[in-house]
Amino acid sequence: MGTGIATNTHNGPDTVPHLLLERVRRSPDTEAYTYPEGDGWHPVTWSDVYAAVVPLAAGLIARGVSPGTRVAMCAATSYRAIFADLAIACTGAVTVPIYPATRDDEARTQIHRAGAALTFADRPVLSSPVQRLDRLDALAAEGRALLASDPEAVSRRIAGLTADDPAWLIYTACDDGRTKGACLTHRAATYGAVAVAQTGIVSPADRQLLWLPLAHVFGRALLLMGIQVGFPTAVDGRADRVADNLRVTRPTFLGSVPHVLSKVCALDSEDLGGRLRFVISGSARLSSDVIELFDRRGVPVLECYGITETAGPACANLPGRRRVGTVGVPLPGTRIRIDAAGELLIRSPGVMTGYDHDPAETAAALDSEYWFHTGDLARIDADGFVTVTGRKKEVFKTSTGKYVCPAAISERCRAVLPGAELVVDGELRPYCVGLVFTALSDPAVDAALDRLNATLNRWEKVRRFAVIRTPLDTHDRDEAGRPIRDRVLARYAAVVSGLYERGQFRNSG
């Protein structure tokens, strides 16, 4: 296998590097990834992956990256990002993935909060130092120079890793709009891949198309599933290319979020590649209409459940055990229960150790018996299928799988539009809309929302809105005089539907 990494796997496949090493040992010459290059797709074997990752890991060591050092990754999903990510793991460092569409100031804040010593990026990021993904050759050259004098530099790092060492620090939304960093060990990172493999849902004969961001645990779980099971993965992080890539790469399964699935569900079997056995839907609830369209084509939708703090999948529907409208049953090794308040609690090897430098949030989320309190309301039927029914606190997900805290957006609006109230919706929709309760002129509202949107991430921006001239009803306000969001949205449901169906309109009510 060459120099740089020993094949000793005494710690077992419960660290990311050992997962990779075991795959390289078992099937060195089979296809690992294929990625777009020029006018076609370029395949690489597991041996090729190994040969690319080792020098990159050694290069990081040469630059002073130590075990536990935090290294950020702010990039779209690509083969370069995957190689860099695996290289980080092989040094014993901690990957801090940043969603590539995060606005620049928030990305810098997360990188600074994490204390990242280096940032891999595919776009300008005002962070120091930065390693551009299109310039990995220089890093690899530094690594080869180190390996020439110290061939075991990387293997020593891997040998020293344990399942309890930190692997990922991933930021997720708080209920008040802030972010908090979930600390995930190698045991947590690899758990989902191993558990899914145990279900038998996939085999080395499968092929997946991976476009999901590696900033989220859904995409990371799918990436590691490929390594654990040994099936090839077609990699292209461009969401607008999913439909075309299905036809060209002909995967046997696809993991995606509802927003993209709603666009490809109308494709015929050939446009789906002709070999699609099933699709995995996660991050948000998928509409029954989309599920039905896939079913008509003989492609079952397997909805699953997992969040950042569980490092990926905790519950899933399976081809032979599926119930539409649920998120399935617990994966092997996961235990679930519903507490007295109706909240879904999870205990599994995938659960985080806590939130970075945030003992109060950690104590609120993890109880003394290490049950993780998800914040989701749910029920479990007699057959063990889980149905998510809502959230304990006011936060929702768009159909792209991104969390939005409407109360935080409304609070920001009060700063730019004094005297007005903004009620935000966007649950299971591709973007957010708003109801603005004010007597101010339309130009004033336009200008204020422009200023508001400039402070928000792309998925939080209020894309369309209606100005409501009628004052809020007393019954639609809480004790502090703030709008009670659910009541307001129910009262103005037709207005909200009109925003999505017909575009922006004003002077309603």
Foldseek 3Di string as FASTA:
>chain_A
DDFQADLDPVQHCLFLLNLLSVLCVVWVADWAEWEDDDPRIRTDGSVRLVVLQRLLLLLVVLVPDAAAAEEEEQEFWDPLSVSNLSSCSLRNYAYEYDDNLFDQVVVQVSCVVSVHQEYEYCDDHPDPPYDYSVPSVVSSVSSVVSCVVPRHNSNVSVVPDHQARWHYWAWAADLLGDIWTFTWGSNLQLVLLVLVVVVVQDAQVFEEEQQDGPSFLASSSVSSNCSNRVHYYYIDNDLVCQLVCQLVVVGQEYEAFQVSLVVNLPPACNSNNVRHQEYEYELAAHDPVSQVSCVVRNHHYKYFDDGVQLSHTQAIAGPVRDDPQFRHAGTPFKDWDADPVQFIKIDGSNGTPATPPCVVRRPVQQDPVRIGGPQWGWDADPVRTIHTDGGNGQWAAASRNGIENQVNLQVLLCVLPPPKGWAWDHHPHQAIAIEIEDPDDPVSVVVSLVVSQVPDRPRHRHQAYEYEPDDDDPVQADPVRHGVRVVVCVVCVVVVVCCVVPNHDYPDD
